[in-house]
Amino acid sequence: MVDLARRFPDANILGLEISIPSLRNAMRKVERLGLTNVCLLQSDAHSALQILCEPSTIAAAYINYPDPWPKKDHTDRRLIDGEFLALLASRMMPEAFLDIATDHDEYAEQITASLGETPYFHSRTSQPFEREDEGRVRTKYEQVALDEGRSPRYYKWQRNTVPVVERFLIPKELSMPHVVFRLPATVEEIGRQFRPRVVTVESTRIRFIETYQSFHDGKLLIETYIHEEPLMQRIGLEIRPRASGEIVISMAEVGFPRPTQGVHRAIAALVDWLRDEYPSLVIVQTNLQGEHADAPYKRN
């Protein structure tokens, strides 16, 4: 990444990584070298590509030694397959370069097969991969692999002009969701009734993990995990009392959450749970959107 930033000072270099220690090490190096064209992001590649990248905007992609997930039961977690290549192709410019390096034999077979089957890329050389890459900056991990006798494969491919059927839509952000209601219970009682649970609504998986109460104003914070392709969020949902006696459920602005359809679904699921616990619950106001907009429980 540093080498790319130096060679292409007018390019915007985006580095994606899950490991926080790796990100910190990279950031220290970037800052020490005074590189101003690098942005580091803790994210998986699927989410970052689909959510943050507009179609046909990526000039080159480099995938260095992706996690091989060597166990048989884990191979579906590997990054590179036909679906990922289609997503990547939808975000790349025509003729943009795709470079991949791996030293894992079974993963190399999968990468070779996936690239051979995709209609969106072609090899820049006469074969699927090379055993040597003279112009490549050797990474620390790569040197470890060589020292241990592993044999890297270097894939030099290129985006062609075959269009990708547009199915990788950028998720829409909705309004900040809230529901105002009345029921014969306090916020403290709601907290005591809470139990962790998992709810699936359409394609969204919602886990209500735990609830915490503020010493300051008594509001509840419900730790919530929402998985809606391609986005995964771990957020806080608030249940807070009003002086009027009404209660509000909304999204806590902790960690810059995105108000997506999945968040609206999570709040709707909380309302459904409260209605089961307290059948006399009365909805006063709501702005939930999507398939919940006309739900009967939303009417006063």
C-alpha atoms as a PDB file:
ATOM      1  CA  MET A   1       0.000   0.000   0.000  1.00  0.00           C
ATOM      2  CA  VAL A   2       2.807   2.405   0.852  1.00  0.00           C
ATOM      3  CA  ASP A   3       4.544   1.536  -2.408  1.00  0.00           C
ATOM      4  CA  LEU A   4       1.347   2.238  -4.365  1.00  0.00           C
ATOM      5  CA  ALA A   5       0.860   5.552  -2.578  1.00  0.00           C
ATOM      6  CA  ARG A   6       4.401   6.602  -3.457  1.00  0.00           C
ATOM      7  CA  ARG A   7       4.211   5.499  -7.103  1.00  0.00           C
ATOM      8  CA  PHE A   8       0.783   7.016  -7.681  1.00  0.00           C
ATOM      9  CA  PRO A   9       0.703  10.246  -5.632  1.00  0.00           C
ATOM     10  CA  ASP A  10      -2.362  11.523  -7.504  1.00  0.00           C
ATOM     11  CA  ALA A  11      -4.398   8.376  -6.797  1.00  0.00           C
ATOM     12  CA  ASN A  12      -6.617   7.772  -3.788  1.00  0.00           C
ATOM     13  CA  ILE A  13      -5.418   4.592  -2.071  1.00  0.00           C
ATOM     14  CA  LEU A  14      -8.008   2.807   0.096  1.00  0.00           C
ATOM     15  CA  GLY A  15      -6.699   0.056   2.392  1.00  0.00           C
ATOM     16  CA  LEU A  16      -9.202  -2.453   3.807  1.00  0.00           C
ATOM     17  CA  GLU A  17      -8.371  -4.663   6.775  1.00  0.00           C
ATOM     18  CA  ILE A  18     -10.232  -6.369   9.628  1.00  0.00           C
ATOM     19  CA  SER A  19      -7.325  -6.565  12.093  1.00  0.00           C
ATOM     20  CA  ILE A  20      -7.088  -3.430  14.248  1.00  0.00           C
ATOM     21  CA  PRO A  21      -3.384  -4.007  15.150  1.00  0.00           C
ATOM     22  CA  SER A  22      -2.567  -4.264  11.429  1.00  0.00           C
ATOM     23  CA  LEU A  23      -4.455  -1.054  10.762  1.00  0.00           C
ATOM     24  CA  ARG A  24      -2.613   0.742  13.549  1.00  0.00           C
ATOM     25  CA  ASN A  25       0.758  -0.408  12.250  1.00  0.00           C
ATOM     26  CA  ALA A  26      -0.116   0.705   8.745  1.00  0.00           C
ATOM     27  CA  MET A  27      -1.375   4.087   9.944  1.00  0.00           C
ATOM     28  CA  ARG A  28       1.823   4.751  11.885  1.00  0.00           C
ATOM     29  CA  LYS A  29       3.843   4.036   8.748  1.00  0.00           C
ATOM     30  CA  VAL A  30       1.580   6.242   6.609  1.00  0.00           C
ATOM     31  CA  GLU A  31       1.842   9.123   9.080  1.00  0.00           C
ATOM     32  CA  ARG A  32       5.595   8.721   9.486  1.00  0.00           C
ATOM     33  CA  LEU A  33       6.092   8.934   5.715  1.00  0.00           C
ATOM     34  CA  GLY A  34       3.709  11.863   5.350  1.00  0.00           C
ATOM     35  CA  LEU A  35       1.499  10.104   2.796  1.00  0.00           C
ATOM     36  CA  THR A  36      -1.676  12.120   2.252  1.00  0.00           C
ATOM     37  CA  ASN A  37      -3.349   9.985  -0.412  1.00  0.00           C
ATOM     38  CA  VAL A  38      -4.052   6.928   1.787  1.00  0.00           C
ATOM     39  CA  CYS A  39      -7.262   6.105   3.660  1.00  0.00           C
ATOM     40  CA  LEU A  40      -7.448   3.074   5.962  1.00  0.00           C
ATOM     41  CA  LEU A  41     -10.741   1.440   6.824  1.00  0.00           C
ATOM     42  CA  GLN A  42     -11.633  -1.429   9.137  1.00  0.00           C
ATOM     43  CA  SER A  43     -14.073  -3.329   6.972  1.00  0.00           C
ATOM     44  CA  ASP A  44     -14.593  -6.507   5.035  1.00  0.00           C
ATOM     45  CA  ALA A  45     -14.249  -6.099   1.294  1.00  0.00           C
ATOM     46  CA  HIS A  46     -17.840  -7.036   0.411  1.00  0.00           C
ATOM     47  CA  SER A  47     -19.368  -4.303   2.557  1.00  0.00           C
ATOM     48  CA  ALA A  48     -16.885  -1.601   1.595  1.00  0.00           C
ATOM     49  CA  LEU A  49     -17.192  -2.273  -2.128  1.00  0.00           C
ATOM     50  CA  GLN A  50     -20.971  -2.362  -2.248  1.00  0.00           C
ATOM     51  CA  ILE A  51     -21.736   0.387   0.256  1.00  0.00           C
ATOM     52  CA  LEU A  52     -18.936   2.913  -0.266  1.00  0.00           C
ATOM     53  CA  CYS A  53     -17.871   2.515  -3.898  1.00  0.00           C
ATOM     54  CA  GLU A  54     -19.874   3.792  -6.835  1.00  0.00           C
ATOM     55  CA  PRO A  55     -19.964   1.622  -9.971  1.00  0.00           C
ATOM     56  CA  SER A  56     -17.006   1.960 -12.375  1.00  0.00           C
ATOM     57  CA  THR A  57     -14.848   4.044 -10.016  1.00  0.00           C
ATOM     58  CA  ILE A  58     -12.012   1.682  -8.989  1.00  0.00           C
ATOM     59  CA  ALA A  59      -8.877   1.969 -11.125  1.00  0.00           C
ATOM     60  CA  ALA A  60      -7.054  -1.064  -9.662  1.00  0.00           C
ATOM     61  CA  ALA A  61      -7.518  -3.685  -6.947  1.00  0.00           C
ATOM     62  CA  TYR A  62      -4.790  -5.562  -5.043  1.00  0.00           C
ATOM     63  CA  ILE A  63      -5.639  -8.557  -2.864  1.00  0.00           C
ATOM     64  CA  ASN A  64      -2.627  -9.722  -0.879  1.00  0.00           C
ATOM     65  CA  TYR A  65      -2.741 -13.159   0.760  1.00  0.00           C
ATOM     66  CA  PRO A  66      -6.411 -13.264   1.727  1.00  0.00           C
ATOM     67  CA  ASP A  67      -7.256 -15.520   4.671  1.00  0.00           C
ATOM     68  CA  PRO A  68      -7.369 -19.056   3.195  1.00  0.00           C
ATOM     69  CA  TRP A  69      -9.880 -20.436   5.748  1.00  0.00           C
ATOM     70  CA  PRO A  70      -8.220 -23.840   5.338  1.00  0.00           C
ATOM     71  CA  LYS A  71     -10.756 -25.911   7.309  1.00  0.00           C
ATOM     72  CA  LYS A  72     -13.288 -27.671   5.109  1.00  0.00           C
ATOM     73  CA  ASP A  73     -16.258 -26.217   7.004  1.00  0.00           C
ATOM     74  CA  HIS A  74     -14.896 -22.674   6.620  1.00  0.00           C
ATOM     75  CA  THR A  75     -14.157 -22.524   2.902  1.00  0.00           C
ATOM     76  CA  ASP A  76     -17.409 -20.643   2.231  1.00  0.00           C
ATOM     77  CA  ARG A  77     -15.875 -17.711   4.145  1.00  0.00           C
ATOM     78  CA  ARG A  78     -13.159 -17.218   1.554  1.00  0.00           C
ATOM     79  CA  LEU A  79     -13.236 -13.851  -0.130  1.00  0.00           C
ATOM     80  CA  ILE A  80     -12.671 -14.774  -3.760  1.00  0.00           C
ATOM     81  CA  ASP A  81     -15.465 -16.576  -5.575  1.00  0.00           C
ATOM     82  CA  GLY A  82     -17.720 -15.848  -8.529  1.00  0.00           C
ATOM     83  CA  GLU A  83     -20.098 -13.602  -6.598  1.00  0.00           C
ATOM     84  CA  PHE A  84     -17.293 -11.471  -5.172  1.00  0.00           C
ATOM     85  CA  LEU A  85     -15.652 -11.117  -8.576  1.00  0.00           C
ATOM     86  CA  ALA A  86     -18.960  -9.920 -10.025  1.00  0.00           C
ATOM     87  CA  LEU A  87     -19.281  -7.328  -7.234  1.00  0.00           C
ATOM     88  CA  LEU A  88     -15.687  -6.205  -7.733  1.00  0.00           C
ATOM     89  CA  ALA A  89     -16.178  -5.991 -11.508  1.00  0.00           C
ATOM     90  CA  SER A  90     -19.250  -3.804 -11.029  1.00  0.00           C
ATOM     91  CA  ARG A  91     -17.110  -1.270  -9.139  1.00  0.00           C
ATOM     92  CA  MET A  92     -14.050  -1.328 -11.435  1.00  0.00           C
ATOM     93  CA  MET A  93     -13.332   0.768 -14.484  1.00  0.00           C
ATOM     94  CA  PRO A  94     -12.874  -0.994 -17.845  1.00  0.00           C
ATOM     95  CA  GLU A  95      -9.256  -2.201 -18.198  1.00  0.00           C
ATOM     96  CA  ALA A  96      -8.594  -1.764 -14.462  1.00  0.00           C
ATOM     97  CA  PHE A  97      -5.944  -4.129 -13.109  1.00  0.00           C
ATOM     98  CA  LEU A  98      -6.693  -6.902 -10.600  1.00  0.00           C
ATOM     99  CA  ASP A  99      -3.672  -8.396  -8.796  1.00  0.00           C
ATOM    100  CA  ILE A 100      -4.021 -11.280  -6.341  1.00  0.00           C
ATOM    101  CA  ALA A 101      -1.355 -13.155  -4.373  1.00  0.00           C
ATOM    102  CA  THR A 102      -1.767 -16.358  -2.354  1.00  0.00           C
ATOM    103  CA  ASP A 103       0.509 -19.113  -1.071  1.00  0.00           C
ATOM    104  CA  HIS A 104      -2.257 -21.573  -0.152  1.00  0.00           C
ATOM    105  CA  ASP A 105      -2.542 -24.437  -2.651  1.00  0.00           C
ATOM    106  CA  GLU A 106      -6.258 -25.199  -2.246  1.00  0.00           C
ATOM    107  CA  TYR A 107      -7.216 -21.532  -2.258  1.00  0.00           C
ATOM    108  CA  ALA A 108      -5.116 -21.062  -5.397  1.00  0.00           C
ATOM    109  CA  GLU A 109      -7.184 -23.776  -7.071  1.00  0.00           C
ATOM    110  CA  GLN A 110     -10.386 -21.957  -6.088  1.00  0.00           C
ATOM    111  CA  ILE A 111      -9.065 -18.581  -7.270  1.00  0.00           C
ATOM    112  CA  THR A 112      -7.927 -20.074 -10.562  1.00  0.00           C
ATOM    113  CA  ALA A 113     -11.313 -21.710 -11.130  1.00  0.00           C
ATOM    114  CA  SER A 114     -13.266 -18.582 -10.147  1.00  0.00           C
ATOM    115  CA  LEU A 115     -11.238 -16.332 -12.438  1.00  0.00           C
ATOM    116  CA  GLY A 116     -11.502 -18.856 -15.252  1.00  0.00           C
ATOM    117  CA  GLU A 117     -15.300 -18.931 -14.961  1.00  0.00           C
ATOM    118  CA  THR A 118     -16.004 -15.225 -14.565  1.00  0.00           C
ATOM    119  CA  PRO A 119     -16.887 -13.322 -17.755  1.00  0.00           C
ATOM    120  CA  TYR A 120     -15.664  -9.999 -16.349  1.00  0.00           C
ATOM    121  CA  PHE A 121     -11.885 -10.452 -16.239  1.00  0.00           C
ATOM    122  CA  HIS A 122      -9.099 -11.797 -18.428  1.00  0.00           C
ATOM    123  CA  SER A 123      -5.466 -12.615 -17.651  1.00  0.00           C
ATOM    124  CA  ARG A 124      -2.833 -10.048 -18.572  1.00  0.00           C
ATOM    125  CA  THR A 125      -0.376 -12.895 -19.172  1.00  0.00           C
ATOM    126  CA  SER A 126      -0.525 -16.107 -21.154  1.00  0.00           C
ATOM    127  CA  GLN A 127      -1.532 -18.200 -18.120  1.00  0.00           C
ATOM    128  CA  PRO A 128      -3.770 -17.927 -15.040  1.00  0.00           C
ATOM    129  CA  PHE A 129      -0.931 -17.055 -12.635  1.00  0.00           C
ATOM    130  CA  GLU A 130       2.807 -16.501 -12.429  1.00  0.00           C
ATOM    131  CA  ARG A 131       5.300 -18.011  -9.997  1.00  0.00           C
ATOM    132  CA  GLU A 132       7.439 -14.875  -9.947  1.00  0.00           C
ATOM    133  CA  ASP A 133       6.577 -11.169  -9.891  1.00  0.00           C
ATOM    134  CA  GLU A 134       9.717  -9.142 -10.443  1.00  0.00           C
ATOM    135  CA  GLY A 135       8.076  -5.752 -10.025  1.00  0.00           C
ATOM    136  CA  ARG A 136       6.356  -6.607  -6.796  1.00  0.00           C
ATOM    137  CA  VAL A 137       7.255  -5.147  -3.403  1.00  0.00           C
ATOM    138  CA  ARG A 138       7.682  -8.168  -1.133  1.00  0.00           C
ATOM    139  CA  THR A 139       5.620  -7.933   2.048  1.00  0.00           C
ATOM    140  CA  LYS A 140       6.701  -9.231   5.437  1.00  0.00           C
ATOM    141  CA  TYR A 141       4.119 -11.992   5.298  1.00  0.00           C
ATOM    142  CA  GLU A 142       5.253 -12.956   1.813  1.00  0.00           C
ATOM    143  CA  GLN A 143       8.857 -13.291   2.965  1.00  0.00           C
ATOM    144  CA  VAL A 144       7.721 -15.560   5.815  1.00  0.00           C
ATOM    145  CA  ALA A 145       5.897 -17.762   3.292  1.00  0.00           C
ATOM    146  CA  LEU A 146       8.991 -17.997   1.095  1.00  0.00           C
ATOM    147  CA  ASP A 147      11.249 -18.754   4.058  1.00  0.00           C
ATOM    148  CA  GLU A 148       8.920 -21.590   5.075  1.00  0.00           C
ATOM    149  CA  GLY A 149       9.031 -23.085   1.593  1.00  0.00           C
ATOM    150  CA  ARG A 150       5.569 -22.128   0.403  1.00  0.00           C
ATOM    151  CA  SER A 151       5.165 -21.219  -3.244  1.00  0.00           C
ATOM    152  CA  PRO A 152       3.145 -18.039  -3.940  1.00  0.00           C
ATOM    153  CA  ARG A 153       0.980 -17.593  -7.013  1.00  0.00           C
ATOM    154  CA  TYR A 154       0.645 -14.147  -8.537  1.00  0.00           C
ATOM    155  CA  TYR A 155      -2.510 -13.460 -10.528  1.00  0.00           C
ATOM    156  CA  LYS A 156      -2.289 -10.631 -13.063  1.00  0.00           C
ATOM    157  CA  TRP A 157      -5.758 -10.042 -14.421  1.00  0.00           C
ATOM    158  CA  GLN A 158      -7.701  -7.155 -15.909  1.00  0.00           C
ATOM    159  CA  ARG A 159     -11.299  -5.947 -16.048  1.00  0.00           C
ATOM    160  CA  ASN A 160     -12.828  -6.208 -19.495  1.00  0.00           C
ATOM    161  CA  THR A 161     -15.885  -4.390 -20.866  1.00  0.00           C
ATOM    162  CA  VAL A 162     -18.531  -7.060 -20.205  1.00  0.00           C
ATOM    163  CA  PRO A 163     -21.283  -5.279 -18.229  1.00  0.00           C
ATOM    164  CA  VAL A 164     -22.359  -6.621 -14.838  1.00  0.00           C
ATOM    165  CA  VAL A 165     -26.070  -7.079 -14.281  1.00  0.00           C
ATOM    166  CA  GLU A 166     -26.836  -4.453 -11.631  1.00  0.00           C
ATOM    167  CA  ARG A 167     -27.728  -6.399  -8.517  1.00  0.00           C
ATOM    168  CA  PHE A 168     -25.221  -4.889  -6.100  1.00  0.00           C
ATOM    169  CA  LEU A 169     -27.247  -1.865  -5.071  1.00  0.00           C
ATOM    170  CA  ILE A 170     -25.935   0.674  -2.585  1.00  0.00           C
ATOM    171  CA  PRO A 171     -28.190   0.364   0.498  1.00  0.00           C
ATOM    172  CA  LYS A 172     -30.447   3.347   0.994  1.00  0.00           C
ATOM    173  CA  GLU A 173     -30.335   5.255   4.243  1.00  0.00           C
ATOM    174  CA  LEU A 174     -33.735   6.085   5.671  1.00  0.00           C
ATOM    175  CA  SER A 175     -34.770   8.663   8.237  1.00  0.00           C
ATOM    176  CA  MET A 176     -33.638   8.266  11.838  1.00  0.00           C
ATOM    177  CA  PRO A 177     -36.296   5.861  13.141  1.00  0.00           C
ATOM    178  CA  HIS A 178     -38.390   6.345  16.263  1.00  0.00           C
ATOM    179  CA  VAL A 179     -41.604   5.130  17.843  1.00  0.00           C
ATOM    180  CA  VAL A 180     -43.486   6.983  20.605  1.00  0.00           C
ATOM    181  CA  PHE A 181     -45.937   4.934  22.647  1.00  0.00           C
ATOM    182  CA  ARG A 182     -47.810   4.620  25.929  1.00  0.00           C
ATOM    183  CA  LEU A 183     -48.094   1.507  28.056  1.00  0.00           C
ATOM    184  CA  PRO A 184     -48.718   0.632  31.710  1.00  0.00           C
ATOM    185  CA  ALA A 185     -45.076  -0.003  32.554  1.00  0.00           C
ATOM    186  CA  THR A 186     -41.952   1.982  33.336  1.00  0.00           C
ATOM    187  CA  VAL A 187     -38.678   1.851  31.462  1.00  0.00           C
ATOM    188  CA  GLU A 188     -37.181   0.001  34.446  1.00  0.00           C
ATOM    189  CA  GLU A 189     -39.885  -2.669  34.181  1.00  0.00           C
ATOM    190  CA  ILE A 190     -39.232  -3.040  30.468  1.00  0.00           C
ATOM    191  CA  GLY A 191     -35.563  -3.600  31.261  1.00  0.00           C
ATOM    192  CA  ARG A 192     -36.404  -6.316  33.778  1.00  0.00           C
ATOM    193  CA  GLN A 193     -38.587  -8.109  31.224  1.00  0.00           C
ATOM    194  CA  PHE A 194     -35.907  -8.066  28.530  1.00  0.00           C
ATOM    195  CA  ARG A 195     -34.316 -11.348  27.458  1.00  0.00           C
ATOM    196  CA  PRO A 196     -31.775 -11.829  24.651  1.00  0.00           C
ATOM    197  CA  ARG A 197     -33.470 -13.000  21.469  1.00  0.00           C
ATOM    198  CA  VAL A 198     -32.945 -13.490  17.753  1.00  0.00           C
ATOM    199  CA  VAL A 199     -35.457 -12.267  15.184  1.00  0.00           C
ATOM    200  CA  THR A 200     -35.375 -12.770  11.426  1.00  0.00           C
ATOM    201  CA  VAL A 201     -37.383 -10.352   9.293  1.00  0.00           C
ATOM    202  CA  GLU A 202     -37.250 -11.013   5.551  1.00  0.00           C
ATOM    203  CA  SER A 203     -33.490 -11.244   4.861  1.00  0.00           C
ATOM    204  CA  THR A 204     -32.447  -9.321   8.002  1.00  0.00           C
ATOM    205  CA  ARG A 205     -31.142 -11.169  11.068  1.00  0.00           C
ATOM    206  CA  ILE A 206     -31.497  -9.216  14.312  1.00  0.00           C
ATOM    207  CA  ARG A 207     -29.941 -10.178  17.638  1.00  0.00           C
ATOM    208  CA  PHE A 208     -30.975  -8.304  20.766  1.00  0.00           C
ATOM    209  CA  ILE A 209     -27.955  -9.043  22.909  1.00  0.00           C
ATOM    210  CA  GLU A 210     -28.184  -7.193  26.253  1.00  0.00           C
ATOM    211  CA  THR A 211     -29.732  -4.151  27.905  1.00  0.00           C
ATOM    212  CA  TYR A 212     -28.022  -1.483  30.036  1.00  0.00           C
ATOM    213  CA  GLN A 213     -29.565   1.318  32.088  1.00  0.00           C
ATOM    214  CA  SER A 214     -28.225   4.843  32.537  1.00  0.00           C
ATOM    215  CA  PHE A 215     -27.610   6.140  36.069  1.00  0.00           C
ATOM    216  CA  HIS A 216     -28.100   9.636  34.683  1.00  0.00           C
ATOM    217  CA  ASP A 217     -31.577   9.625  33.165  1.00  0.00           C
ATOM    218  CA  GLY A 218     -32.787   6.029  33.466  1.00  0.00           C
ATOM    219  CA  LYS A 219     -32.938   5.287  29.743  1.00  0.00           C
ATOM    220  CA  LEU A 220     -32.194   1.797  28.456  1.00  0.00           C
ATOM    221  CA  LEU A 221     -29.598   0.951  25.843  1.00  0.00           C
ATOM    222  CA  ILE A 222     -30.224  -2.323  24.024  1.00  0.00           C
ATOM    223  CA  GLU A 223     -27.109  -3.743  22.387  1.00  0.00           C
ATOM    224  CA  THR A 224     -28.278  -4.961  18.993  1.00  0.00           C
ATOM    225  CA  TYR A 225     -26.604  -6.812  16.122  1.00  0.00           C
ATOM    226  CA  ILE A 226     -28.165  -6.349  12.680  1.00  0.00           C
ATOM    227  CA  HIS A 227     -27.061  -8.337   9.634  1.00  0.00           C
ATOM    228  CA  GLU A 228     -28.590  -7.199   6.367  1.00  0.00           C
ATOM    229  CA  GLU A 229     -26.579  -7.935   3.265  1.00  0.00           C
ATOM    230  CA  PRO A 230     -24.124  -6.427   2.608  1.00  0.00           C
ATOM    231  CA  LEU A 231     -24.036  -4.526   5.917  1.00  0.00           C
ATOM    232  CA  MET A 232     -23.467  -5.742   9.453  1.00  0.00           C
ATOM    233  CA  GLN A 233     -23.972  -3.292  12.310  1.00  0.00           C
ATOM    234  CA  ARG A 234     -23.634  -3.578  16.064  1.00  0.00           C
ATOM    235  CA  ILE A 235     -25.574  -0.648  17.427  1.00  0.00           C
ATOM    236  CA  GLY A 236     -27.490   0.642  20.430  1.00  0.00           C
ATOM    237  CA  LEU A 237     -31.257   1.136  20.494  1.00  0.00           C
ATOM    238  CA  GLU A 238     -32.605   3.498  23.149  1.00  0.00           C
ATOM    239  CA  ILE A 239     -35.756   3.198  25.206  1.00  0.00           C
ATOM    240  CA  ARG A 240     -36.242   6.429  27.138  1.00  0.00           C
ATOM    241  CA  PRO A 241     -39.080   7.996  29.122  1.00  0.00           C
ATOM    242  CA  ARG A 242     -40.605  11.408  28.471  1.00  0.00           C
ATOM    243  CA  ALA A 243     -41.847  13.774  31.150  1.00  0.00           C
ATOM    244  CA  SER A 244     -45.344  13.353  29.663  1.00  0.00           C
ATOM    245  CA  GLY A 245     -45.298   9.659  30.538  1.00  0.00           C
ATOM    246  CA  GLU A 246     -44.758   8.527  26.950  1.00  0.00           C
ATOM    247  CA  ILE A 247     -41.860   6.258  26.013  1.00  0.00           C
ATOM    248  CA  VAL A 248     -39.640   6.565  22.943  1.00  0.00           C
ATOM    249  CA  ILE A 249     -37.674   3.912  21.086  1.00  0.00           C
ATOM    250  CA  SER A 250     -34.985   5.291  18.767  1.00  0.00           C
ATOM    251  CA  MET A 251     -31.475   4.641  17.498  1.00  0.00           C
ATOM    252  CA  ALA A 252     -28.622   5.692  19.772  1.00  0.00           C
ATOM    253  CA  GLU A 253     -25.929   7.632  17.926  1.00  0.00           C
ATOM    254  CA  VAL A 254     -23.107   5.455  19.220  1.00  0.00           C
ATOM    255  CA  GLY A 255     -20.435   4.523  16.698  1.00  0.00           C
ATOM    256  CA  PHE A 256     -22.039   6.390  13.779  1.00  0.00           C
ATOM    257  CA  PRO A 257     -24.704   3.796  12.855  1.00  0.00           C
ATOM    258  CA  ARG A 258     -26.465   3.958   9.505  1.00  0.00           C
ATOM    259  CA  PRO A 259     -30.294   4.223   9.639  1.00  0.00           C
ATOM    260  CA  THR A 260     -30.980   1.404   7.202  1.00  0.00           C
ATOM    261  CA  GLN A 261     -34.007  -0.769   6.574  1.00  0.00           C
ATOM    262  CA  GLY A 262     -32.565  -3.276   9.035  1.00  0.00           C
ATOM    263  CA  VAL A 263     -32.557  -0.700  11.856  1.00  0.00           C
ATOM    264  CA  HIS A 264     -36.194   0.152  11.123  1.00  0.00           C
ATOM    265  CA  ARG A 265     -36.957  -3.574  11.220  1.00  0.00           C
ATOM    266  CA  ALA A 266     -35.153  -3.949  14.566  1.00  0.00           C
ATOM    267  CA  ILE A 267     -37.187  -1.164  16.175  1.00  0.00           C
ATOM    268  CA  ALA A 268     -40.382  -2.645  14.734  1.00  0.00           C
ATOM    269  CA  ALA A 269     -39.396  -6.006  16.270  1.00  0.00           C
ATOM    270  CA  LEU A 270     -38.954  -4.313  19.667  1.00  0.00           C
ATOM    271  CA  VAL A 271     -42.419  -2.804  19.361  1.00  0.00           C
ATOM    272  CA  ASP A 272     -43.840  -6.233  18.494  1.00  0.00           C
ATOM    273  CA  TRP A 273     -42.184  -7.702  21.593  1.00  0.00           C
ATOM    274  CA  LEU A 274     -43.549  -4.930  23.803  1.00  0.00           C
ATOM    275  CA  ARG A 275     -47.018  -5.435  22.351  1.00  0.00           C
ATOM    276  CA  ASP A 276     -46.805  -9.129  23.284  1.00  0.00           C
ATOM    277  CA  GLU A 277     -45.728  -8.216  26.817  1.00  0.00           C
ATOM    278  CA  TYR A 278     -48.192  -5.324  27.186  1.00  0.00           C
ATOM    279  CA  PRO A 279     -51.279  -5.797  24.942  1.00  0.00           C
ATOM    280  CA  SER A 280     -52.618  -2.364  25.947  1.00  0.00           C
ATOM    281  CA  LEU A 281     -49.644  -0.596  24.315  1.00  0.00           C
ATOM    282  CA  VAL A 282     -50.766   2.446  22.298  1.00  0.00           C
ATOM    283  CA  ILE A 283     -48.671   3.889  19.457  1.00  0.00           C
ATOM    284  CA  VAL A 284     -48.685   7.700  19.562  1.00  0.00           C
ATOM    285  CA  GLN A 285     -46.266   8.460  16.719  1.00  0.00           C
ATOM    286  CA  THR A 286     -43.835   6.650  14.421  1.00  0.00           C
ATOM    287  CA  ASN A 287     -41.798   7.233  11.276  1.00  0.00           C
ATOM    288  CA  LEU A 288     -40.808   3.641  10.557  1.00  0.00           C
ATOM    289  CA  GLN A 289     -40.467   3.086   6.823  1.00  0.00           C
ATOM    290  CA  GLY A 290     -40.379   0.285   4.318  1.00  0.00           C
ATOM    291  CA  GLU A 291     -42.624  -2.707   4.814  1.00  0.00           C
ATOM    292  CA  HIS A 292     -43.503  -1.421   8.308  1.00  0.00           C
ATOM    293  CA  ALA A 293     -45.009   1.863   7.105  1.00  0.00           C
ATOM    294  CA  ASP A 294     -48.555   0.492   6.878  1.00  0.00           C
ATOM    295  CA  ALA A 295     -48.358  -2.054   9.690  1.00  0.00           C
ATOM    296  CA  PRO A 296     -51.591  -2.081  11.781  1.00  0.00           C
ATOM    297  CA  TYR A 297     -49.792  -1.639  15.084  1.00  0.00           C
ATOM    298  CA  LYS A 298     -48.595   1.769  13.956  1.00  0.00           C
ATOM    299  CA  ARG A 299     -52.010   3.352  13.996  1.00  0.00           C
ATOM    300  CA  ASN A 300     -53.047   5.208  17.134  1.00  0.00           C
END
